[in-house]
Each structure stands twice: as structure tokens, then as C-alpha cells.
């Protein structure tokens, strides 16, 4: 596609410069890994376009050309890390990331996403195969999910599994299209909700991997809302806002989160003690 405009599928188009820009996006993710692993900083953020989590090994799709976060995880593994975790809170399931590591026990993939929805993957029963069985954790969320619904699912399943895995690096697929009013999503998460999830991930990183967290942007199609989410998340990555800065949510009023927990917990308990 270099140097020309083309349609790769019904959703994914390129301009003459898309190939070079996609290389820069993947390179930025790799650069963040090197920045953190070299000790220059504990946290990093790659604000990139195009996003990546739908891209598979041999297929671009869903606006994604290269899977930036999968490339970052593979780069971290090549630098000697034994356990890398990827947490994806984009409203769409990161099918490309899942399939990249579906049989790999060295990479834990946790995804919260609207379900059923594009791209159609991400059911609770998709948990990995072979040596990777149990290292894919899908949290399919009912449309209309709020901050409390997400926190219930993560606090009950996602975060405990992440702590048990004890990663040496946490990568975040920071998609903000679960934001209320995003034109391509159907959720009601707030900018503060994304900040709260990120703060909890940073707290786990402080306990298990010297605070090493890298966020890589994914979807988000309301530009003002996307900017609001970044303004909320960046101070968390800078260490200015930890989980203690946020009041607990009333999770009793989280029926959609409870539905997710009820569907996922039996699957996860086959592999993890929760």
C-alpha cells in the first residue's frame, strides 16, 4: 500500500502515507518499551494513529494496519522479559492481540469490551489454547456499561488474575471509545472511569514490576472526548493521581458488571484461584 490509496476491507482504507505512518506508530510503541526497560522512566504513553489491536499477523482490519501493542509485547519478550501483561479497555475486542498470543503463556491478555459487537470475537469462553490456556481473559460487557460495571468486572476478575500472573511489564491498549457518547460505542464510561482503571493498573505495577506501565492509544472517535480521557489518564501515568485519590464507586448498582462476572468467573476459575 505504500505510496497509494487503497481499501483493505470495508472499514480500513489507506492513503499514500499510511504505511509510513503505521511504521511510526509501531515504532513509537517499541520506543516506549525501550525507554522503560532501559530505566529512563517507569511509565510511558504512545499517542499514535493508526490504532492497532484489530490487526492480525497477516491481515489489517478495523482501522488497524500493524498491531502496535502486540509488537511492543514481542519486543519486550525479545529483551528478556518472561511475563508481559496486556490490558485492553477499548470498546471493541482486540482480536488481533488475542490471536497473536492465544497459545502463549508468557503474555496475559485481558480485554473488556462491548459484546456482542465488532469484530464478533471476545466471548467469555475464549480463554486460550495449548500452553496458553487460561492466559486470555475476556470480560464481555453488556451495552450501557458504566464506570461501576467496569470496576466490578475488573476488581472481581481482571485485577486479581493480573496480580496472580505477576507481570514484569503491563501494557495498556488505551482505547477510549467506551466513553459515553462516543459515536462508535455503546457504553457510558467517563473520562474519570478510564483514569480509575489506569490508576489501579499502575498500583498493581508498583507491587509486581517496579511500576512499569506503558499505555498505547487505540480507538476513540469523539475528538473532544478523546482529549478529555487523555487529560484524565496522563496525570495517572505521571504518578500524580493514585487509586487513593478516587472515592469508591457504588458497585451494588452495577447489574451489567454483575452479568459479566457471572458469565466469566466459571471460565476463569478453571485456571486461576479466585
C-alpha atoms as a PDB file:
ATOM      1  CA  UNK A   1       0.000   0.000   0.000  1.00  0.00           C
ATOM      2  CA  UNK A   2       2.999   2.331   0.272  1.00  0.00           C
ATOM      3  CA  UNK A   3       2.532   5.439  -1.847  1.00  0.00           C
ATOM      4  CA  UNK A   4      -1.046   4.772  -2.877  1.00  0.00           C
ATOM      5  CA  UNK A   5      -4.584   4.874  -1.589  1.00  0.00           C
ATOM      6  CA  UNK A   6      -6.394   1.582  -1.291  1.00  0.00           C
ATOM      7  CA  UNK A   7      -9.212  -0.195   0.550  1.00  0.00           C
ATOM      8  CA  UNK A   8      -8.012  -3.155   2.608  1.00  0.00           C
ATOM      9  CA  UNK A   9     -11.509  -4.083   3.784  1.00  0.00           C
ATOM     10  CA  UNK A  10     -14.885  -2.418   4.227  1.00  0.00           C
ATOM     11  CA  UNK A  11     -13.590  -0.382   7.188  1.00  0.00           C
ATOM     12  CA  UNK A  12      -9.880   0.013   6.560  1.00  0.00           C
ATOM     13  CA  UNK A  13      -8.520   2.415   3.979  1.00  0.00           C
ATOM     14  CA  UNK A  14      -5.040   3.753   3.358  1.00  0.00           C
ATOM     15  CA  UNK A  15      -3.710   6.992   1.965  1.00  0.00           C
ATOM     16  CA  UNK A  16      -0.356   7.240   0.182  1.00  0.00           C
ATOM     17  CA  UNK A  17       1.383   7.891   3.521  1.00  0.00           C
ATOM     18  CA  UNK A  18      -0.440   5.339   5.695  1.00  0.00           C
ATOM     19  CA  UNK A  19       2.280   2.699   5.519  1.00  0.00           C
ATOM     20  CA  UNK A  20       4.977   5.069   6.758  1.00  0.00           C
ATOM     21  CA  UNK A  21       2.727   6.452   9.484  1.00  0.00           C
ATOM     22  CA  UNK A  22       1.817   2.925  10.626  1.00  0.00           C
ATOM     23  CA  UNK A  23       5.517   2.095  10.863  1.00  0.00           C
ATOM     24  CA  UNK A  24       5.992   5.176  13.036  1.00  0.00           C
ATOM     25  CA  UNK A  25       3.101   4.104  15.284  1.00  0.00           C
ATOM     26  CA  UNK A  26       4.547   0.635  15.813  1.00  0.00           C
ATOM     27  CA  UNK A  27       7.979   2.176  16.262  1.00  0.00           C
ATOM     28  CA  UNK A  28       6.653   4.516  18.934  1.00  0.00           C
ATOM     29  CA  UNK A  29       5.327   1.514  20.856  1.00  0.00           C
ATOM     30  CA  UNK A  30       8.727  -0.172  20.575  1.00  0.00           C
ATOM     31  CA  UNK A  31      10.410   3.053  21.652  1.00  0.00           C
ATOM     32  CA  UNK A  32       8.261   3.165  24.782  1.00  0.00           C
ATOM     33  CA  UNK A  33       9.319  -0.376  25.665  1.00  0.00           C
ATOM     34  CA  UNK A  34      12.976   0.514  25.276  1.00  0.00           C
ATOM     35  CA  UNK A  35      12.502   3.715  27.295  1.00  0.00           C
ATOM     36  CA  UNK A  36      11.008   1.788  30.209  1.00  0.00           C
ATOM     37  CA  UNK A  37      13.225  -1.299  30.094  1.00  0.00           C
ATOM     38  CA  UNK A  38      16.358   0.843  29.824  1.00  0.00           C
ATOM     39  CA  UNK A  39      15.354   2.567  33.062  1.00  0.00           C
ATOM     40  CA  UNK A  40      14.794   6.018  31.579  1.00  0.00           C
ATOM     41  CA  UNK A  41      11.307   6.054  33.093  1.00  0.00           C
ATOM     42  CA  UNK A  42       8.773   3.754  34.702  1.00  0.00           C
ATOM     43  CA  UNK A  43       5.756   4.798  32.634  1.00  0.00           C
ATOM     44  CA  UNK A  44       5.299   5.804  29.021  1.00  0.00           C
ATOM     45  CA  UNK A  45       2.487   6.753  26.668  1.00  0.00           C
ATOM     46  CA  UNK A  46       2.434   6.273  22.899  1.00  0.00           C
ATOM     47  CA  UNK A  47      -0.220   8.581  21.413  1.00  0.00           C
ATOM     48  CA  UNK A  48      -0.413   7.044  17.970  1.00  0.00           C
ATOM     49  CA  UNK A  49      -2.541   6.668  14.892  1.00  0.00           C
ATOM     50  CA  UNK A  50      -3.421   4.336  13.305  1.00  0.00           C
ATOM     51  CA  UNK A  51      -4.520   2.136  16.213  1.00  0.00           C
ATOM     52  CA  UNK A  52      -3.507  -1.496  16.200  1.00  0.00           C
ATOM     53  CA  UNK A  53      -5.397  -4.038  18.263  1.00  0.00           C
ATOM     54  CA  UNK A  54      -7.548  -5.415  15.420  1.00  0.00           C
ATOM     55  CA  UNK A  55      -4.605  -6.091  13.103  1.00  0.00           C
ATOM     56  CA  UNK A  56      -3.732  -9.768  12.876  1.00  0.00           C
ATOM     57  CA  UNK A  57      -0.444 -11.330  11.845  1.00  0.00           C
ATOM     58  CA  UNK A  58      -1.383 -11.439   8.176  1.00  0.00           C
ATOM     59  CA  UNK A  59      -4.338  -9.081   7.986  1.00  0.00           C
ATOM     60  CA  UNK A  60      -5.038  -5.391   8.514  1.00  0.00           C
ATOM     61  CA  UNK A  61      -8.587  -4.649   9.663  1.00  0.00           C
ATOM     62  CA  UNK A  62     -10.755  -2.383  11.776  1.00  0.00           C
ATOM     63  CA  UNK A  63      -8.762   0.805  11.006  1.00  0.00           C
ATOM     64  CA  UNK A  64      -5.587  -1.022  12.137  1.00  0.00           C
ATOM     65  CA  UNK A  65      -2.561  -1.724   9.934  1.00  0.00           C
ATOM     66  CA  UNK A  66       0.041  -3.094  12.362  1.00  0.00           C
ATOM     67  CA  UNK A  67      -0.722  -4.347  15.860  1.00  0.00           C
ATOM     68  CA  UNK A  68       1.279  -1.804  17.829  1.00  0.00           C
ATOM     69  CA  UNK A  69       0.778  -3.351  21.248  1.00  0.00           C
ATOM     70  CA  UNK A  70       1.490  -6.893  20.051  1.00  0.00           C
ATOM     71  CA  UNK A  71       4.730  -5.637  18.510  1.00  0.00           C
ATOM     72  CA  UNK A  72       5.559  -3.933  21.814  1.00  0.00           C
ATOM     73  CA  UNK A  73       4.900  -7.113  23.801  1.00  0.00           C
ATOM     74  CA  UNK A  74       7.006  -9.191  21.431  1.00  0.00           C
ATOM     75  CA  UNK A  75       9.805  -6.628  21.702  1.00  0.00           C
ATOM     76  CA  UNK A  76       9.669  -6.809  25.494  1.00  0.00           C
ATOM     77  CA  UNK A  77       9.873 -10.593  25.347  1.00  0.00           C
ATOM     78  CA  UNK A  78      12.844 -10.362  22.981  1.00  0.00           C
ATOM     79  CA  UNK A  79      14.542  -8.154  25.580  1.00  0.00           C
ATOM     80  CA  UNK A  80      14.331 -10.953  28.110  1.00  0.00           C
ATOM     81  CA  UNK A  81      11.054 -10.436  29.956  1.00  0.00           C
ATOM     82  CA  UNK A  82       9.324 -13.685  30.890  1.00  0.00           C
ATOM     83  CA  UNK A  83       5.843 -12.336  31.649  1.00  0.00           C
ATOM     84  CA  UNK A  84       4.130  -9.448  29.890  1.00  0.00           C
ATOM     85  CA  UNK A  85       0.514  -8.438  30.505  1.00  0.00           C
ATOM     86  CA  UNK A  86      -1.733  -6.597  28.066  1.00  0.00           C
ATOM     87  CA  UNK A  87      -4.924  -4.971  29.361  1.00  0.00           C
ATOM     88  CA  UNK A  88      -7.300  -3.670  26.693  1.00  0.00           C
ATOM     89  CA  UNK A  89     -10.240  -1.452  27.704  1.00  0.00           C
ATOM     90  CA  UNK A  90     -11.207  -0.332  24.201  1.00  0.00           C
ATOM     91  CA  UNK A  91     -14.923  -0.790  23.490  1.00  0.00           C
ATOM     92  CA  UNK A  92     -14.073  -3.283  20.729  1.00  0.00           C
ATOM     93  CA  UNK A  93     -12.426  -6.622  21.350  1.00  0.00           C
ATOM     94  CA  UNK A  94      -8.743  -6.717  20.444  1.00  0.00           C
ATOM     95  CA  UNK A  95      -8.972  -9.766  18.222  1.00  0.00           C
ATOM     96  CA  UNK A  96      -5.548  -9.260  16.688  1.00  0.00           C
ATOM     97  CA  UNK A  97      -3.857  -9.061  20.063  1.00  0.00           C
ATOM     98  CA  UNK A  98      -5.722 -12.109  21.328  1.00  0.00           C
ATOM     99  CA  UNK A  99      -4.797 -14.293  18.361  1.00  0.00           C
ATOM    100  CA  UNK A 100      -1.177 -13.119  18.483  1.00  0.00           C
ATOM    101  CA  UNK A 101      -0.701 -14.710  21.909  1.00  0.00           C
ATOM    102  CA  UNK A 102      -3.551 -17.227  22.154  1.00  0.00           C
ATOM    103  CA  UNK A 103      -1.197 -20.169  22.711  1.00  0.00           C
ATOM    104  CA  UNK A 104       1.492 -18.228  24.593  1.00  0.00           C
ATOM    105  CA  UNK A 105       1.631 -18.428  28.412  1.00  0.00           C
ATOM    106  CA  UNK A 106       4.208 -15.642  28.604  1.00  0.00           C
ATOM    107  CA  UNK A 107       1.680 -12.971  27.586  1.00  0.00           C
ATOM    108  CA  UNK A 108      -1.512 -12.486  29.595  1.00  0.00           C
ATOM    109  CA  UNK A 109      -4.261 -10.743  27.626  1.00  0.00           C
ATOM    110  CA  UNK A 110      -7.208  -9.204  29.487  1.00  0.00           C
ATOM    111  CA  UNK A 111      -9.883  -7.434  27.455  1.00  0.00           C
ATOM    112  CA  UNK A 112     -13.055  -5.622  28.478  1.00  0.00           C
ATOM    113  CA  UNK A 113     -15.282  -4.845  25.513  1.00  0.00           C
ATOM    114  CA  UNK A 114     -18.872  -4.403  24.422  1.00  0.00           C
ATOM    115  CA  UNK A 115     -20.305  -7.773  23.443  1.00  0.00           C
ATOM    116  CA  UNK A 116     -21.746  -8.739  21.072  1.00  0.00           C
ATOM    117  CA  UNK A 117     -20.154  -6.121  18.867  1.00  0.00           C
ATOM    118  CA  UNK A 118     -17.454  -5.689  16.241  1.00  0.00           C
ATOM    119  CA  UNK A 119     -15.364  -7.742  15.448  1.00  0.00           C
ATOM    120  CA  UNK A 120     -17.506 -10.556  16.906  1.00  0.00           C
ATOM    121  CA  UNK A 121     -14.788 -12.186  18.999  1.00  0.00           C
ATOM    122  CA  UNK A 122     -14.144 -11.960  22.733  1.00  0.00           C
ATOM    123  CA  UNK A 123     -16.642 -14.369  24.267  1.00  0.00           C
ATOM    124  CA  UNK A 124     -16.073 -15.473  27.850  1.00  0.00           C
ATOM    125  CA  UNK A 125     -15.251 -18.968  26.605  1.00  0.00           C
ATOM    126  CA  UNK A 126     -12.253 -17.737  24.586  1.00  0.00           C
ATOM    127  CA  UNK A 127      -9.505 -18.426  27.117  1.00  0.00           C
ATOM    128  CA  UNK A 128      -6.501 -19.588  25.083  1.00  0.00           C
ATOM    129  CA  UNK A 129      -5.288 -22.907  23.710  1.00  0.00           C
ATOM    130  CA  UNK A 130      -2.462 -25.328  24.415  1.00  0.00           C
ATOM    131  CA  UNK A 131       0.162 -23.873  26.715  1.00  0.00           C
ATOM    132  CA  UNK A 132      -1.698 -20.567  26.536  1.00  0.00           C
ATOM    133  CA  UNK A 133      -4.942 -21.915  28.009  1.00  0.00           C
ATOM    134  CA  UNK A 134      -6.064 -19.580  30.768  1.00  0.00           C
ATOM    135  CA  UNK A 135      -3.901 -16.676  29.658  1.00  0.00           C
ATOM    136  CA  UNK A 136      -6.657 -14.953  27.683  1.00  0.00           C
ATOM    137  CA  UNK A 137      -9.291 -13.358  29.907  1.00  0.00           C
ATOM    138  CA  UNK A 138     -12.260 -11.816  28.125  1.00  0.00           C
ATOM    139  CA  UNK A 139     -14.675  -9.576  30.013  1.00  0.00           C
ATOM    140  CA  UNK A 140     -17.609  -9.187  27.589  1.00  0.00           C
ATOM    141  CA  UNK A 141     -19.662  -6.197  28.738  1.00  0.00           C
ATOM    142  CA  UNK A 142     -23.345  -5.523  28.108  1.00  0.00           C
ATOM    143  CA  UNK A 143     -24.037  -2.301  26.208  1.00  0.00           C
ATOM    144  CA  UNK A 144     -24.637   0.643  28.504  1.00  0.00           C
ATOM    145  CA  UNK A 145     -21.937  -0.312  30.999  1.00  0.00           C
ATOM    146  CA  UNK A 146     -20.841   2.386  33.431  1.00  0.00           C
ATOM    147  CA  UNK A 147     -17.731   3.056  35.496  1.00  0.00           C
ATOM    148  CA  UNK A 148     -19.175   0.900  38.273  1.00  0.00           C
ATOM    149  CA  UNK A 149     -19.854  -2.006  35.898  1.00  0.00           C
ATOM    150  CA  UNK A 150     -16.298  -1.932  34.595  1.00  0.00           C
ATOM    151  CA  UNK A 151     -14.785  -1.663  38.055  1.00  0.00           C
ATOM    152  CA  UNK A 152     -16.837  -4.591  39.322  1.00  0.00           C
ATOM    153  CA  UNK A 153     -15.627  -6.799  36.460  1.00  0.00           C
ATOM    154  CA  UNK A 154     -12.013  -5.733  36.855  1.00  0.00           C
ATOM    155  CA  UNK A 155     -11.962  -5.819  40.652  1.00  0.00           C
ATOM    156  CA  UNK A 156     -13.537  -9.283  40.750  1.00  0.00           C
ATOM    157  CA  UNK A 157     -11.668 -10.927  37.870  1.00  0.00           C
ATOM    158  CA  UNK A 158      -9.263  -8.815  35.837  1.00  0.00           C
ATOM    159  CA  UNK A 159      -7.112  -7.313  38.567  1.00  0.00           C
ATOM    160  CA  UNK A 160      -6.820 -10.478  40.714  1.00  0.00           C
ATOM    161  CA  UNK A 161      -5.721 -12.536  37.691  1.00  0.00           C
ATOM    162  CA  UNK A 162      -3.241  -9.822  36.752  1.00  0.00           C
ATOM    163  CA  UNK A 163      -1.764  -9.848  40.256  1.00  0.00           C
ATOM    164  CA  UNK A 164      -1.506 -13.651  40.254  1.00  0.00           C
ATOM    165  CA  UNK A 165       0.266 -13.531  36.881  1.00  0.00           C
ATOM    166  CA  UNK A 166       2.848 -11.168  38.405  1.00  0.00           C
ATOM    167  CA  UNK A 167       3.899  -9.479  35.157  1.00  0.00           C
ATOM    168  CA  UNK A 168       7.237  -7.824  34.591  1.00  0.00           C
ATOM    169  CA  UNK A 169       5.584  -5.179  32.404  1.00  0.00           C
ATOM    170  CA  UNK A 170       1.989  -4.027  31.940  1.00  0.00           C
ATOM    171  CA  UNK A 171       0.882  -2.734  28.553  1.00  0.00           C
ATOM    172  CA  UNK A 172      -2.448  -0.926  28.207  1.00  0.00           C
ATOM    173  CA  UNK A 173      -4.439  -0.812  24.975  1.00  0.00           C
ATOM    174  CA  UNK A 174      -5.852   2.594  25.825  1.00  0.00           C
ATOM    175  CA  UNK A 175      -8.934   2.835  23.658  1.00  0.00           C
ATOM    176  CA  UNK A 176     -11.399   5.487  24.792  1.00  0.00           C
ATOM    177  CA  UNK A 177     -14.398   4.590  22.644  1.00  0.00           C
ATOM    178  CA  UNK A 178     -16.265   3.129  25.626  1.00  0.00           C
ATOM    179  CA  UNK A 179     -16.684   6.780  26.608  1.00  0.00           C
ATOM    180  CA  UNK A 180     -20.284   7.907  26.893  1.00  0.00           C
ATOM    181  CA  UNK A 181     -21.470   9.448  23.613  1.00  0.00           C
ATOM    182  CA  UNK A 182     -18.619   8.057  21.507  1.00  0.00           C
ATOM    183  CA  UNK A 183     -20.198   7.598  18.063  1.00  0.00           C
ATOM    184  CA  UNK A 184     -18.822   4.063  17.613  1.00  0.00           C
ATOM    185  CA  UNK A 185     -19.504   2.760  21.109  1.00  0.00           C
ATOM    186  CA  UNK A 186     -22.485   1.957  23.265  1.00  0.00           C
ATOM    187  CA  UNK A 187     -21.016   2.341  26.748  1.00  0.00           C
ATOM    188  CA  UNK A 188     -21.273   5.037  29.427  1.00  0.00           C
ATOM    189  CA  UNK A 189     -17.760   5.127  30.866  1.00  0.00           C
ATOM    190  CA  UNK A 190     -16.473   8.536  31.958  1.00  0.00           C
ATOM    191  CA  UNK A 191     -13.027  10.039  31.476  1.00  0.00           C
ATOM    192  CA  UNK A 192     -12.511   9.612  35.209  1.00  0.00           C
ATOM    193  CA  UNK A 193     -13.517   5.966  34.826  1.00  0.00           C
ATOM    194  CA  UNK A 194     -10.603   5.387  32.469  1.00  0.00           C
ATOM    195  CA  UNK A 195      -8.333   7.207  34.892  1.00  0.00           C
ATOM    196  CA  UNK A 196      -9.511   4.996  37.744  1.00  0.00           C
ATOM    197  CA  UNK A 197      -8.822   1.815  35.772  1.00  0.00           C
ATOM    198  CA  UNK A 198      -5.394   3.119  34.790  1.00  0.00           C
ATOM    199  CA  UNK A 199      -4.608   4.084  38.385  1.00  0.00           C
ATOM    200  CA  UNK A 200      -5.480   0.578  39.556  1.00  0.00           C
ATOM    201  CA  UNK A 201      -3.209  -0.899  36.884  1.00  0.00           C
ATOM    202  CA  UNK A 202      -0.386   1.406  37.959  1.00  0.00           C
ATOM    203  CA  UNK A 203      -0.891   0.318  41.576  1.00  0.00           C
ATOM    204  CA  UNK A 204      -0.579  -3.342  40.572  1.00  0.00           C
ATOM    205  CA  UNK A 205       2.525  -2.474  38.558  1.00  0.00           C
ATOM    206  CA  UNK A 206       4.033  -0.833  41.635  1.00  0.00           C
ATOM    207  CA  UNK A 207       3.599  -4.104  43.508  1.00  0.00           C
ATOM    208  CA  UNK A 208       4.882  -6.513  40.872  1.00  0.00           C
ATOM    209  CA  UNK A 209       7.071  -4.824  38.273  1.00  0.00           C
ATOM    210  CA  UNK A 210       8.614  -1.655  39.706  1.00  0.00           C
ATOM    211  CA  UNK A 211       5.757   0.427  38.326  1.00  0.00           C
ATOM    212  CA  UNK A 212       6.490  -0.341  34.678  1.00  0.00           C
ATOM    213  CA  UNK A 213       3.391   0.578  32.653  1.00  0.00           C
ATOM    214  CA  UNK A 214       3.074   1.589  29.012  1.00  0.00           C
ATOM    215  CA  UNK A 215      -0.180   2.869  27.508  1.00  0.00           C
ATOM    216  CA  UNK A 216      -0.683   2.804  23.737  1.00  0.00           C
ATOM    217  CA  UNK A 217      -3.719   4.538  22.286  1.00  0.00           C
ATOM    218  CA  UNK A 218      -6.358   2.604  20.374  1.00  0.00           C
ATOM    219  CA  UNK A 219      -9.877   3.722  19.431  1.00  0.00           C
ATOM    220  CA  UNK A 220     -11.767   6.881  20.310  1.00  0.00           C
ATOM    221  CA  UNK A 221     -13.849   8.775  17.766  1.00  0.00           C
ATOM    222  CA  UNK A 222     -15.140  11.828  19.607  1.00  0.00           C
ATOM    223  CA  UNK A 223     -12.098  14.095  19.462  1.00  0.00           C
ATOM    224  CA  UNK A 224     -13.144  16.225  22.419  1.00  0.00           C
ATOM    225  CA  UNK A 225     -13.924  13.147  24.476  1.00  0.00           C
ATOM    226  CA  UNK A 226     -10.667  11.504  23.443  1.00  0.00           C
ATOM    227  CA  UNK A 227      -8.772  14.579  24.620  1.00  0.00           C
ATOM    228  CA  UNK A 228     -10.671  14.571  27.922  1.00  0.00           C
ATOM    229  CA  UNK A 229      -9.697  10.950  28.509  1.00  0.00           C
ATOM    230  CA  UNK A 230      -6.050  11.687  27.813  1.00  0.00           C
ATOM    231  CA  UNK A 231      -6.172  14.664  30.181  1.00  0.00           C
ATOM    232  CA  UNK A 232      -7.519  12.322  32.854  1.00  0.00           C
ATOM    233  CA  UNK A 233      -5.106   9.436  32.210  1.00  0.00           C
ATOM    234  CA  UNK A 234      -1.813  11.276  31.684  1.00  0.00           C
ATOM    235  CA  UNK A 235      -1.580  12.551  35.294  1.00  0.00           C
ATOM    236  CA  UNK A 236      -2.116   8.970  36.464  1.00  0.00           C
ATOM    237  CA  UNK A 237       0.780   7.760  34.337  1.00  0.00           C
ATOM    238  CA  UNK A 238       2.837  10.679  35.659  1.00  0.00           C
ATOM    239  CA  UNK A 239       2.206   9.425  39.184  1.00  0.00           C
ATOM    240  CA  UNK A 240       0.157  12.450  40.237  1.00  0.00           C
ATOM    241  CA  UNK A 241      -3.097  10.560  40.842  1.00  0.00           C
ATOM    242  CA  UNK A 242      -3.127   7.150  42.504  1.00  0.00           C
ATOM    243  CA  UNK A 243      -6.154   4.974  43.342  1.00  0.00           C
ATOM    244  CA  UNK A 244      -6.418   6.589  46.768  1.00  0.00           C
ATOM    245  CA  UNK A 245      -7.468   9.854  45.091  1.00  0.00           C
ATOM    246  CA  UNK A 246     -10.753   8.337  43.923  1.00  0.00           C
ATOM    247  CA  UNK A 247     -13.769   7.644  46.116  1.00  0.00           C
ATOM    248  CA  UNK A 248     -15.120   4.059  45.910  1.00  0.00           C
ATOM    249  CA  UNK A 249     -17.986   3.572  43.479  1.00  0.00           C
ATOM    250  CA  UNK A 250     -21.319   2.074  44.491  1.00  0.00           C
ATOM    251  CA  UNK A 251     -20.861  -1.299  42.819  1.00  0.00           C
ATOM    252  CA  UNK A 252     -24.182  -2.598  44.119  1.00  0.00           C
ATOM    253  CA  UNK A 253     -25.693  -0.562  41.282  1.00  0.00           C
ATOM    254  CA  UNK A 254     -23.714  -2.392  38.604  1.00  0.00           C
ATOM    255  CA  UNK A 255     -26.038  -5.019  37.088  1.00  0.00           C
ATOM    256  CA  UNK A 256     -24.185  -5.151  33.774  1.00  0.00           C
ATOM    257  CA  UNK A 257     -20.902  -5.738  35.552  1.00  0.00           C
ATOM    258  CA  UNK A 258     -22.514  -8.489  37.606  1.00  0.00           C
ATOM    259  CA  UNK A 259     -23.711 -10.172  34.402  1.00  0.00           C
ATOM    260  CA  UNK A 260     -20.142 -10.127  33.101  1.00  0.00           C
ATOM    261  CA  UNK A 261     -18.776 -11.576  36.332  1.00  0.00           C
ATOM    262  CA  UNK A 262     -21.392 -14.336  36.344  1.00  0.00           C
ATOM    263  CA  UNK A 263     -20.505 -15.309  32.766  1.00  0.00           C
ATOM    264  CA  UNK A 264     -16.726 -15.104  33.089  1.00  0.00           C
ATOM    265  CA  UNK A 265     -15.944 -16.358  36.580  1.00  0.00           C
ATOM    266  CA  UNK A 266     -16.723 -20.057  35.870  1.00  0.00           C
ATOM    267  CA  UNK A 267     -14.371 -19.932  32.879  1.00  0.00           C
ATOM    268  CA  UNK A 268     -11.551 -18.201  34.725  1.00  0.00           C
ATOM    269  CA  UNK A 269     -11.763 -20.477  37.764  1.00  0.00           C
ATOM    270  CA  UNK A 270     -10.721 -23.372  35.549  1.00  0.00           C
ATOM    271  CA  UNK A 271      -7.254 -21.798  35.517  1.00  0.00           C
ATOM    272  CA  UNK A 272      -6.968 -19.296  38.386  1.00  0.00           C
ATOM    273  CA  UNK A 273      -7.824 -19.409  42.076  1.00  0.00           C
ATOM    274  CA  UNK A 274     -10.326 -16.595  42.573  1.00  0.00           C
END
